[in-house]
């Protein structure tokens, strides 16, 4: 039917609980494991300031996930070509 679901583990728009084996997302290895379950990750930075890029972008890329990104206006200067959707 073309529909897809959006999973939100964080505090904002929370609609899915973390797996029992992962009590929180403080550990980078846990986040990496979680990212690998998905094709895309929605990354929204707290600002659009030039050069402000949080670790979420790098963690998603490292896990092989395509970030759908809203944030730094010059993000394309910092990531591999064609690696994110902005």
C-alpha atoms as a PDB file:
ATOM      1  CA  UNK A   1       0.000   0.000   0.000  1.00  0.00           C
ATOM      2  CA  UNK A   2       3.061   2.293  -0.038  1.00  0.00           C
ATOM      3  CA  UNK A   3       2.765   3.186   3.647  1.00  0.00           C
ATOM      4  CA  UNK A   4       5.709   3.051   6.015  1.00  0.00           C
ATOM      5  CA  UNK A   5       6.058   3.432   9.734  1.00  0.00           C
ATOM      6  CA  UNK A   6       8.211   5.895  11.610  1.00  0.00           C
ATOM      7  CA  UNK A   7       9.882   4.605  14.762  1.00  0.00           C
ATOM      8  CA  UNK A   8      10.787   7.159  17.440  1.00  0.00           C
ATOM      9  CA  UNK A   9      12.843   5.916  20.386  1.00  0.00           C
ATOM     10  CA  UNK A  10      13.711   9.333  21.782  1.00  0.00           C
ATOM     11  CA  UNK A  11      11.789  11.621  24.097  1.00  0.00           C
ATOM     12  CA  UNK A  12      10.234  13.640  21.270  1.00  0.00           C
ATOM     13  CA  UNK A  13       7.317  11.835  19.565  1.00  0.00           C
ATOM     14  CA  UNK A  14       8.244   8.612  21.406  1.00  0.00           C
ATOM     15  CA  UNK A  15       6.234   5.736  19.966  1.00  0.00           C
ATOM     16  CA  UNK A  16       8.493   2.687  20.408  1.00  0.00           C
ATOM     17  CA  UNK A  17      10.304   1.313  23.429  1.00  0.00           C
ATOM     18  CA  UNK A  18      13.897   0.186  23.204  1.00  0.00           C
ATOM     19  CA  UNK A  19      14.601  -3.545  23.204  1.00  0.00           C
ATOM     20  CA  UNK A  20      14.909  -4.971  26.727  1.00  0.00           C
ATOM     21  CA  UNK A  21      18.591  -5.702  26.111  1.00  0.00           C
ATOM     22  CA  UNK A  22      19.190  -1.981  25.507  1.00  0.00           C
ATOM     23  CA  UNK A  23      17.990   0.074  28.501  1.00  0.00           C
ATOM     24  CA  UNK A  24      19.120   3.402  27.016  1.00  0.00           C
ATOM     25  CA  UNK A  25      20.946   4.908  24.065  1.00  0.00           C
ATOM     26  CA  UNK A  26      23.975   6.200  25.960  1.00  0.00           C
ATOM     27  CA  UNK A  27      26.287   3.541  24.538  1.00  0.00           C
ATOM     28  CA  UNK A  28      27.482   4.135  20.965  1.00  0.00           C
ATOM     29  CA  UNK A  29      27.632   0.366  20.297  1.00  0.00           C
ATOM     30  CA  UNK A  30      23.962   0.036  21.226  1.00  0.00           C
ATOM     31  CA  UNK A  31      23.014   2.919  18.956  1.00  0.00           C
ATOM     32  CA  UNK A  32      25.041   1.372  16.123  1.00  0.00           C
ATOM     33  CA  UNK A  33      23.261  -1.949  16.573  1.00  0.00           C
ATOM     34  CA  UNK A  34      19.893  -0.174  16.565  1.00  0.00           C
ATOM     35  CA  UNK A  35      20.706   1.890  13.453  1.00  0.00           C
ATOM     36  CA  UNK A  36      21.528  -1.294  11.541  1.00  0.00           C
ATOM     37  CA  UNK A  37      17.882  -2.361  11.853  1.00  0.00           C
ATOM     38  CA  UNK A  38      16.837   0.441   9.477  1.00  0.00           C
ATOM     39  CA  UNK A  39      17.505   1.846   6.012  1.00  0.00           C
ATOM     40  CA  UNK A  40      17.055   5.534   6.918  1.00  0.00           C
ATOM     41  CA  UNK A  41      17.558   7.676  10.022  1.00  0.00           C
ATOM     42  CA  UNK A  42      15.916  11.047  10.473  1.00  0.00           C
ATOM     43  CA  UNK A  43      18.560  13.391  11.895  1.00  0.00           C
ATOM     44  CA  UNK A  44      17.372  16.818  13.069  1.00  0.00           C
ATOM     45  CA  UNK A  45      20.050  19.064  14.534  1.00  0.00           C
ATOM     46  CA  UNK A  46      19.146  21.708  17.129  1.00  0.00           C
ATOM     47  CA  UNK A  47      20.407  24.426  14.769  1.00  0.00           C
ATOM     48  CA  UNK A  48      21.116  25.102  11.109  1.00  0.00           C
ATOM     49  CA  UNK A  49      24.387  26.877  11.852  1.00  0.00           C
ATOM     50  CA  UNK A  50      27.150  26.257   9.340  1.00  0.00           C
ATOM     51  CA  UNK A  51      29.543  23.462  10.427  1.00  0.00           C
ATOM     52  CA  UNK A  52      27.340  22.336  13.350  1.00  0.00           C
ATOM     53  CA  UNK A  53      27.124  18.584  12.827  1.00  0.00           C
ATOM     54  CA  UNK A  54      26.293  16.231  15.672  1.00  0.00           C
ATOM     55  CA  UNK A  55      27.517  12.683  16.109  1.00  0.00           C
ATOM     56  CA  UNK A  56      24.221  11.173  14.913  1.00  0.00           C
ATOM     57  CA  UNK A  57      25.145  11.739  11.261  1.00  0.00           C
ATOM     58  CA  UNK A  58      28.455   9.924  11.610  1.00  0.00           C
ATOM     59  CA  UNK A  59      26.959   7.086  13.629  1.00  0.00           C
ATOM     60  CA  UNK A  60      24.226   6.524  11.045  1.00  0.00           C
ATOM     61  CA  UNK A  61      26.724   6.527   8.182  1.00  0.00           C
ATOM     62  CA  UNK A  62      29.008   4.167  10.091  1.00  0.00           C
ATOM     63  CA  UNK A  63      26.092   1.751  10.536  1.00  0.00           C
ATOM     64  CA  UNK A  64      25.301   1.862   6.809  1.00  0.00           C
ATOM     65  CA  UNK A  65      22.122   3.879   7.239  1.00  0.00           C
ATOM     66  CA  UNK A  66      21.185   6.808   4.984  1.00  0.00           C
ATOM     67  CA  UNK A  67      20.597   9.927   7.091  1.00  0.00           C
ATOM     68  CA  UNK A  68      17.663  12.134   6.156  1.00  0.00           C
ATOM     69  CA  UNK A  69      19.200  15.325   7.469  1.00  0.00           C
ATOM     70  CA  UNK A  70      18.089  18.760   8.619  1.00  0.00           C
ATOM     71  CA  UNK A  71      20.753  20.928  10.157  1.00  0.00           C
ATOM     72  CA  UNK A  72      24.013  22.542   9.085  1.00  0.00           C
ATOM     73  CA  UNK A  73      23.545  24.351   5.796  1.00  0.00           C
ATOM     74  CA  UNK A  74      26.922  23.153   4.545  1.00  0.00           C
ATOM     75  CA  UNK A  75      26.550  19.469   5.455  1.00  0.00           C
ATOM     76  CA  UNK A  76      27.468  18.374   1.911  1.00  0.00           C
ATOM     77  CA  UNK A  77      30.981  19.773   2.439  1.00  0.00           C
ATOM     78  CA  UNK A  78      31.528  17.358   5.349  1.00  0.00           C
ATOM     79  CA  UNK A  79      30.062  14.030   4.230  1.00  0.00           C
ATOM     80  CA  UNK A  80      30.891  11.697   1.343  1.00  0.00           C
ATOM     81  CA  UNK A  81      29.110  12.583  -1.919  1.00  0.00           C
ATOM     82  CA  UNK A  82      25.561  11.211  -2.221  1.00  0.00           C
ATOM     83  CA  UNK A  83      25.646   9.731   1.307  1.00  0.00           C
ATOM     84  CA  UNK A  84      22.783  11.696   2.864  1.00  0.00           C
ATOM     85  CA  UNK A  85      19.426  13.200   1.963  1.00  0.00           C
ATOM     86  CA  UNK A  86      19.213  16.842   2.965  1.00  0.00           C
END
